[in-house]
Amino acid sequence: MRFLHIADVHLGASPDSGMPWDKQRESELWNSFNRIIDVCNEEKVDLLLIAGDLFHRQPLLRELKEVNYCFGKLETASVVLMAGNHDFLAARSYYRDFEWNDRVHMFMNESIEAFELPQLKTVVYGLSYTRRNLPEPFYDNVRPEHPDKINILLAHGGDEKNIPINRRKLLEAGFDYIALGHIHKPEIISDRMAYSGSLEPVDKTEQGSRGYIIGDIELAKESLVTSVPAYTRKQGKTTINIRFVPFSSREYRVVELNVDTDTTNGSLIDMAKEAIKVGGDQHIYSFVIKGKRDEQISFNAESIKKLGNVYEVMDESLPDFDFDALCRDNLDNLIGMFIQRIGQKTDDDEIAKKALYYGIEALLEARK
């Protein structure tokens, strides 16, 4: 049985609101979801698992119709999905009365349920959020109940406000696979449990690859266990192989621009251009300027922002002051006193070192 596991698609979100590319980013979330349907057909996937937050907020009726149309294009895959903390089943949620096509199964309660898929010899367990936050550890005591079938848990959570997850307990529960959502960073915890991560990154903190998990589970012919509880597995009941597939249209990337006293605004802009050329102009960049610059120069961050998809430019460079000379020339004023007082603490105190640089820069500027 081949499955594809996604989560945290966040349809309807507006990543990078106010940036020149924000409307394009909204469309990319939908485009990626549509492309996942194509992948399911190309890979002849049997089961599409959606581990919560398909939508960024309560879905509109027209949006559910769009998603249902997409599901209707699936050639081989059944779908099992749950509502997460963002698209939870509110009292008036359109989820509640929506009629999905026959291949779609959605959990509609806050307690653990199970969908049996006889054609796949598979049972999928899960629940849906009916509140914004679920602080209870709902998954701690859930166990598979069909030792003669493939047992999968669809789960969304992993922090104090949203179903805390005890990874050890879950791994020992006996599921053949645990498809996790809520944490946007992909993580293969074991060959039987993984966070797929978000399908597309939705803010600048989500750096690195985003995508989906694809896997194959094979059920052994003799898998019944009669002398132990029903959820216990015979060794070798199933074999599983999973892998993460990078898929997102673009990534958020942080790039350091290392400067020295010879660096000019022109050369800094060329450094940023080269970084974008090498990394790919489809990505969204945050640049961090590091190093010691000529004390007379001030870098123009706005010029770098105009180069493309540049989210922010952070100038952490420091002026290359000659503190000994400055102190000698300013023994009788505030500048000299400041260097003597703060300079004594800079050997092993990074905060004091930055205070010295920024303080002297401000004092010199005020003197002009």
Protein backbone atom coordinates (compact mmCIF):
# COMPACT_ATOMS: atom_id res chain seq x y z
CA MET A 1 0.00 0.00 0.00
CA ARG A 2 1.49 3.32 -1.08
CA PHE A 3 0.63 6.44 0.89
CA LEU A 4 1.43 10.13 0.68
CA HIS A 5 1.44 12.21 3.87
CA ILE A 6 1.00 16.00 3.91
CA ALA A 7 0.03 18.52 6.59
CA ASP A 8 -0.19 22.25 7.26
CA VAL A 9 -1.08 23.31 3.74
CA HIS A 10 -2.72 26.47 5.15
CA LEU A 11 -4.88 27.27 2.15
CA GLY A 12 -6.17 30.83 2.47
CA ALA A 13 -3.09 32.13 4.27
CA SER A 14 -1.41 35.34 3.11
CA PRO A 15 2.32 34.79 3.57
CA ASP A 16 4.46 37.94 3.50
CA SER A 17 1.49 40.29 3.55
CA GLY A 18 2.52 43.72 2.29
CA MET A 19 5.53 42.45 0.36
CA PRO A 20 5.64 42.85 -3.45
CA TRP A 21 5.18 39.11 -3.97
CA ASP A 22 2.38 38.49 -1.40
CA LYS A 23 -0.43 37.78 -3.90
CA GLN A 24 1.77 35.31 -5.71
CA ARG A 25 2.46 33.50 -2.44
CA GLU A 26 -1.28 33.09 -1.75
CA SER A 27 -1.71 31.44 -5.15
CA GLU A 28 1.30 29.18 -4.59
CA LEU A 29 -0.39 27.47 -1.64
CA TRP A 30 -3.27 26.43 -3.87
CA ASN A 31 -0.97 25.54 -6.75
CA SER A 32 1.07 23.25 -4.52
CA PHE A 33 -2.05 21.49 -3.30
CA ASN A 34 -3.12 20.93 -6.89
CA ARG A 35 0.33 19.60 -7.75
CA ILE A 36 0.05 17.10 -4.88
CA ILE A 37 -3.01 15.62 -6.58
CA ASP A 38 -0.91 15.19 -9.73
CA VAL A 39 1.86 13.52 -7.71
CA CYS A 40 -0.66 11.09 -6.20
CA ASN A 41 -1.76 10.09 -9.70
CA GLU A 42 1.78 9.85 -11.07
CA GLU A 43 2.95 7.73 -8.12
CA LYS A 44 -0.25 5.63 -8.12
CA VAL A 45 -0.78 6.44 -4.46
CA ASP A 46 -3.41 4.38 -2.61
CA LEU A 47 -3.93 6.70 0.35
CA LEU A 48 -3.52 10.46 0.81
CA LEU A 49 -3.16 11.42 4.49
CA ILE A 50 -3.74 15.05 5.52
CA ALA A 51 -2.67 15.62 9.12
CA GLY A 52 -4.52 18.84 9.90
CA ASP A 53 -4.56 22.53 8.94
CA LEU A 54 -5.46 22.02 5.32
CA PHE A 55 -6.82 25.56 5.70
CA HIS A 56 -5.30 28.51 7.52
CA ARG A 57 -8.66 29.45 9.06
CA GLN A 58 -12.30 28.42 8.80
CA PRO A 59 -12.76 27.35 5.17
CA LEU A 60 -15.30 29.07 2.98
CA LEU A 61 -17.88 26.90 1.26
CA ARG A 62 -16.50 27.75 -2.17
CA GLU A 63 -13.03 26.71 -0.95
CA LEU A 64 -14.31 23.31 0.20
CA LYS A 65 -15.89 22.84 -3.20
CA GLU A 66 -12.57 23.62 -4.87
CA VAL A 67 -10.75 21.10 -2.68
CA ASN A 68 -13.43 18.47 -3.25
CA TYR A 69 -13.08 18.98 -7.01
CA CYS A 70 -9.35 18.38 -6.66
CA PHE A 71 -9.98 15.19 -4.70
CA GLY A 72 -12.31 14.11 -7.50
CA LYS A 73 -9.32 14.07 -9.87
CA LEU A 74 -7.56 11.39 -7.83
CA GLU A 75 -7.30 8.20 -9.88
CA THR A 76 -6.22 5.66 -7.27
CA ALA A 77 -6.05 7.32 -3.85
CA SER A 78 -8.52 7.46 -1.01
CA VAL A 79 -8.24 10.48 1.29
CA VAL A 80 -8.31 10.67 5.08
CA LEU A 81 -8.11 14.10 6.67
CA MET A 82 -8.61 15.85 9.98
CA ALA A 83 -9.20 19.44 11.10
CA GLY A 84 -6.28 20.99 12.96
CA ASN A 85 -6.02 23.93 15.32
CA HIS A 86 -6.27 26.50 12.51
CA ASP A 87 -9.24 25.01 10.62
CA PHE A 88 -10.91 23.42 13.66
CA LEU A 89 -14.56 22.32 13.54
CA ALA A 90 -16.20 25.49 14.82
CA ALA A 91 -19.92 25.38 15.64
CA ARG A 92 -20.79 26.90 12.26
CA SER A 93 -17.93 25.42 10.26
CA TYR A 94 -18.82 24.50 6.69
CA TYR A 95 -16.88 21.30 7.32
CA ARG A 96 -19.75 20.00 9.46
CA ASP A 97 -22.35 19.61 6.73
CA PHE A 98 -20.14 19.34 3.70
CA GLU A 99 -20.64 16.29 1.46
CA TRP A 100 -17.28 15.00 0.28
CA ASN A 101 -17.01 12.68 -2.66
CA ASP A 102 -16.96 8.96 -1.92
CA ARG A 103 -13.19 8.59 -1.74
CA VAL A 104 -12.84 11.20 1.07
CA HIS A 105 -13.07 10.42 4.80
CA MET A 106 -12.90 13.16 7.43
CA PHE A 107 -12.82 12.77 11.21
CA MET A 108 -15.67 14.80 12.70
CA ASN A 109 -15.21 14.35 16.46
CA GLU A 110 -12.77 15.30 19.18
CA SER A 111 -12.47 11.67 20.31
CA ILE A 112 -10.48 8.97 18.53
CA GLU A 113 -12.34 7.27 15.69
CA ALA A 114 -11.30 4.82 12.97
CA PHE A 115 -11.96 4.55 9.25
CA GLU A 116 -11.64 1.09 7.76
CA LEU A 117 -10.51 0.93 4.15
CA PRO A 118 -11.15 -2.73 3.23
CA GLN A 119 -9.70 -2.46 -0.27
CA LEU A 120 -6.37 -1.39 1.28
CA LYS A 121 -6.57 -3.72 4.32
CA THR A 122 -5.95 -0.53 6.28
CA VAL A 123 -7.48 1.24 9.29
CA VAL A 124 -6.79 4.93 9.91
CA TYR A 125 -7.32 6.33 13.41
CA GLY A 126 -7.68 9.99 14.33
CA LEU A 127 -9.77 12.90 15.52
CA SER A 128 -10.43 16.53 14.59
CA TYR A 129 -9.98 19.66 16.62
CA THR A 130 -13.28 21.24 17.69
CA ARG A 131 -11.47 24.04 19.54
CA ARG A 132 -8.58 26.35 18.74
CA ASN A 133 -6.41 24.66 21.37
CA LEU A 134 -6.48 21.12 22.72
CA PRO A 135 -4.08 20.87 25.69
CA GLU A 136 -5.08 17.28 26.52
CA PRO A 137 -2.70 14.43 25.48
CA PHE A 138 -5.33 12.58 23.43
CA TYR A 139 -2.84 10.27 21.73
CA ASP A 140 -1.11 8.89 24.84
CA ASN A 141 -3.39 5.89 25.24
CA VAL A 142 -4.59 5.22 21.71
CA ARG A 143 -3.83 1.72 20.41
CA PRO A 144 -4.42 -0.03 17.08
CA GLU A 145 -7.13 -2.68 17.28
CA HIS A 146 -6.76 -4.62 14.02
CA PRO A 147 -3.62 -6.78 14.09
CA ASP A 148 -4.55 -8.35 10.76
CA LYS A 149 -4.56 -4.97 8.98
CA ILE A 150 -2.29 -1.98 8.42
CA ASN A 151 -2.93 0.49 11.26
CA ILE A 152 -2.19 4.18 10.77
CA LEU A 153 -2.62 7.08 13.19
CA LEU A 154 -3.32 10.55 11.81
CA ALA A 155 -2.27 13.08 14.46
CA HIS A 156 -1.89 16.84 14.81
CA GLY A 157 -0.04 18.40 17.72
CA GLY A 158 3.20 18.46 19.63
CA ASP A 159 3.19 21.44 21.99
CA GLU A 160 1.56 22.44 25.28
CA LYS A 161 -1.51 24.05 23.72
CA ASN A 162 -2.07 21.56 20.92
CA ILE A 163 -2.16 17.91 22.01
CA PRO A 164 1.23 17.31 23.67
CA ILE A 165 2.83 14.26 22.12
CA ASN A 166 4.89 11.69 23.99
CA ARG A 167 6.99 10.31 21.16
CA ARG A 168 8.15 7.27 23.09
CA LYS A 169 4.61 6.23 23.98
CA LEU A 170 3.44 6.67 20.41
CA LEU A 171 6.30 4.65 18.98
CA GLU A 172 5.56 1.86 21.44
CA ALA A 173 1.81 1.87 20.74
CA GLY A 174 2.12 -0.50 17.78
CA PHE A 175 0.98 1.57 14.80
CA ASP A 176 2.44 0.75 11.43
CA TYR A 177 2.74 4.46 10.66
CA ILE A 178 2.01 7.71 12.52
CA ALA A 179 1.41 10.69 10.22
CA LEU A 180 2.05 13.87 12.21
CA GLY A 181 1.11 17.49 11.56
CA HIS A 182 1.31 20.89 13.30
CA ILE A 183 5.10 21.25 13.46
CA HIS A 184 6.00 22.86 10.14
CA LYS A 185 9.55 21.56 9.98
CA PRO A 186 9.75 18.10 8.38
CA GLU A 187 11.19 15.41 10.64
CA ILE A 188 11.43 11.66 10.19
CA ILE A 189 11.38 10.51 13.81
CA SER A 190 11.57 6.83 12.91
CA ASP A 191 10.63 4.69 9.93
CA ARG A 192 7.12 4.55 11.44
CA MET A 193 6.56 8.12 12.60
CA ALA A 194 7.18 11.47 10.90
CA TYR A 195 6.20 15.10 10.63
CA SER A 196 5.74 15.90 6.96
CA GLY A 197 6.14 19.61 7.70
CA SER A 198 4.29 22.31 5.80
CA LEU A 199 3.81 21.83 2.09
CA GLU A 200 4.98 25.40 1.43
CA PRO A 201 6.79 27.64 3.94
CA VAL A 202 4.33 30.21 5.30
CA ASP A 203 6.64 32.69 7.01
CA LYS A 204 10.28 33.72 7.16
CA THR A 205 11.07 31.48 10.16
CA GLU A 206 10.39 28.36 8.06
CA GLN A 207 13.78 28.03 6.46
CA GLY A 208 14.95 25.02 4.49
CA SER A 209 13.11 22.44 2.39
CA ARG A 210 9.38 21.85 2.68
CA GLY A 211 7.41 19.03 1.08
CA TYR A 212 5.76 15.69 1.77
CA ILE A 213 6.37 12.12 2.97
CA ILE A 214 5.78 9.21 0.63
CA GLY A 215 5.94 5.61 1.77
CA ASP A 216 5.09 1.98 1.10
CA ILE A 217 3.72 -0.47 3.67
CA GLU A 218 3.48 -4.17 3.01
CA LEU A 219 1.36 -6.45 5.18
CA ALA A 220 2.70 -9.91 5.94
CA LYS A 221 0.43 -12.85 5.15
CA GLU A 222 0.41 -14.19 8.71
CA SER A 223 -0.11 -11.30 11.10
CA LEU A 224 -2.73 -12.41 13.60
CA VAL A 225 -1.63 -12.58 17.23
CA THR A 226 -3.95 -14.48 19.55
CA SER A 227 -2.03 -14.77 22.82
CA VAL A 228 -1.52 -11.05 23.46
CA PRO A 229 -3.71 -7.89 23.38
CA ALA A 230 -5.23 -7.10 20.02
CA TYR A 231 -3.02 -4.08 19.40
CA THR A 232 0.24 -5.99 19.78
CA ARG A 233 2.23 -6.73 16.63
CA LYS A 234 4.05 -9.85 15.69
CA GLN A 235 7.62 -8.99 14.75
CA GLY A 236 7.73 -8.40 11.02
CA LYS A 237 3.95 -7.94 10.60
CA THR A 238 4.58 -5.08 8.22
CA THR A 239 7.51 -3.64 6.37
CA ILE A 240 7.65 0.07 5.68
CA ASN A 241 9.79 2.43 3.68
CA ILE A 242 9.34 6.20 3.87
CA ARG A 243 11.17 9.21 2.49
CA PHE A 244 10.82 12.97 2.53
CA VAL A 245 10.42 14.69 -0.84
CA PRO A 246 11.27 18.44 -1.15
CA PHE A 247 8.40 20.03 -3.02
CA SER A 248 7.86 23.72 -2.23
CA SER A 249 7.95 26.36 -4.95
CA ARG A 250 10.47 28.41 -2.99
CA GLU A 251 12.32 28.59 0.32
CA TYR A 252 13.13 31.26 2.85
CA ARG A 253 16.90 31.58 3.02
CA VAL A 254 19.19 33.50 5.36
CA VAL A 255 22.49 34.56 3.76
CA GLU A 256 25.41 36.23 5.50
CA LEU A 257 27.26 38.97 3.63
CA ASN A 258 30.74 39.21 5.14
CA VAL A 259 32.30 42.65 4.80
CA ASP A 260 35.63 44.27 5.67
CA THR A 261 37.10 47.77 5.59
CA ASP A 262 37.40 47.66 1.80
CA THR A 263 33.72 46.86 1.23
CA THR A 264 31.70 49.62 -0.44
CA ASN A 265 27.96 49.86 -1.04
CA GLY A 266 28.54 48.86 -4.64
CA SER A 267 30.55 45.76 -3.78
CA LEU A 268 28.00 44.78 -1.10
CA ILE A 269 25.18 44.97 -3.64
CA ASP A 270 27.20 42.79 -6.02
CA MET A 271 27.70 40.25 -3.21
CA ALA A 272 23.94 40.10 -2.66
CA LYS A 273 23.29 39.79 -6.41
CA GLU A 274 25.70 36.86 -6.63
CA ALA A 275 24.07 35.14 -3.65
CA ILE A 276 20.66 35.39 -5.33
CA LYS A 277 22.07 34.18 -8.65
CA VAL A 278 23.72 31.14 -7.05
CA GLY A 279 20.83 30.33 -4.70
CA GLY A 280 18.01 30.90 -7.17
CA ASP A 281 15.90 34.00 -7.70
CA GLN A 282 12.67 32.15 -6.81
CA HIS A 283 13.65 32.01 -3.15
CA ILE A 284 13.01 34.68 -0.51
CA TYR A 285 16.13 36.07 1.14
CA SER A 286 17.04 37.64 4.44
CA PHE A 287 20.52 39.11 4.32
CA VAL A 288 22.68 39.58 7.41
CA ILE A 289 25.67 41.91 7.05
CA LYS A 290 28.57 40.72 9.22
CA GLY A 291 32.14 41.84 9.84
CA LYS A 292 33.95 45.14 10.42
CA ARG A 293 33.39 47.94 7.93
CA ASP A 294 35.17 51.20 7.33
CA GLU A 295 34.00 53.53 10.09
CA GLN A 296 33.11 56.18 7.53
CA ILE A 297 30.72 54.03 5.53
CA SER A 298 27.04 53.38 6.08
CA PHE A 299 25.47 50.53 4.10
CA ASN A 300 22.27 51.18 2.14
CA ALA A 301 19.92 48.31 2.99
CA GLU A 302 17.15 49.66 0.73
CA SER A 303 19.31 49.15 -2.36
CA ILE A 304 19.68 45.47 -1.49
CA LYS A 305 15.93 45.08 -0.92
CA LYS A 306 15.30 46.18 -4.50
CA LEU A 307 17.28 43.25 -5.94
CA GLY A 308 14.39 40.78 -5.88
CA ASN A 309 12.60 38.72 -3.26
CA VAL A 310 14.45 40.24 -0.32
CA TYR A 311 12.42 40.09 2.88
CA GLU A 312 14.82 42.01 5.11
CA VAL A 313 18.40 43.22 5.45
CA MET A 314 19.94 43.19 8.92
CA ASP A 315 23.14 45.17 9.34
CA GLU A 316 25.15 43.58 12.15
CA SER A 317 28.46 44.91 10.90
CA LEU A 318 30.60 47.01 13.23
CA PRO A 319 32.73 50.06 12.43
CA ASP A 320 36.45 49.33 12.55
CA PHE A 321 37.30 51.85 15.26
CA ASP A 322 40.81 52.44 16.57
CA PHE A 323 39.73 52.63 20.21
CA ASP A 324 43.23 53.39 21.51
CA ALA A 325 43.52 56.45 19.26
CA LEU A 326 39.97 57.55 20.03
CA CYS A 327 40.60 57.27 23.75
CA ARG A 328 43.86 59.29 23.56
CA ASP A 329 42.16 62.02 21.55
CA ASN A 330 39.15 62.23 23.87
CA LEU A 331 40.50 61.81 27.40
CA ASP A 332 38.76 64.98 28.54
CA ASN A 333 35.26 64.21 27.26
CA LEU A 334 32.43 61.66 27.29
CA ILE A 335 33.85 59.60 24.42
CA GLY A 336 37.09 58.88 26.27
CA MET A 337 35.28 58.14 29.53
CA PHE A 338 32.88 55.77 27.75
CA ILE A 339 35.72 53.83 26.09
CA GLN A 340 37.58 53.46 29.40
CA ARG A 341 34.50 52.36 31.32
CA ILE A 342 32.95 49.94 28.81
CA GLY A 343 36.19 48.77 27.20
CA GLN A 344 37.26 46.99 30.37
CA LYS A 345 34.34 44.59 30.04
CA THR A 346 34.60 43.64 26.38
CA ASP A 347 37.15 40.80 26.56
CA ASP A 348 34.63 38.13 27.55
CA ASP A 349 31.30 39.96 27.24
CA GLU A 350 29.79 40.07 23.75
CA ILE A 351 26.99 42.40 24.84
CA ALA A 352 29.49 44.88 26.30
CA LYS A 353 31.50 44.71 23.08
CA LYS A 354 28.44 45.62 20.99
CA ALA A 355 27.50 48.36 23.46
CA LEU A 356 30.98 49.84 23.04
CA TYR A 357 30.75 49.90 19.24
CA TYR A 358 27.18 51.18 19.05
CA GLY A 359 27.75 53.70 21.84
CA ILE A 360 30.84 55.21 20.25
CA GLU A 361 29.12 55.32 16.87
CA ALA A 362 26.23 57.26 18.39
CA LEU A 363 28.52 59.65 20.30
CA LEU A 364 30.59 60.38 17.21
CA GLU A 365 27.47 60.99 15.16
CA ALA A 366 26.09 63.36 17.82
CA ARG A 367 29.31 65.34 17.77
CA LYS A 368 29.05 66.13 14.06
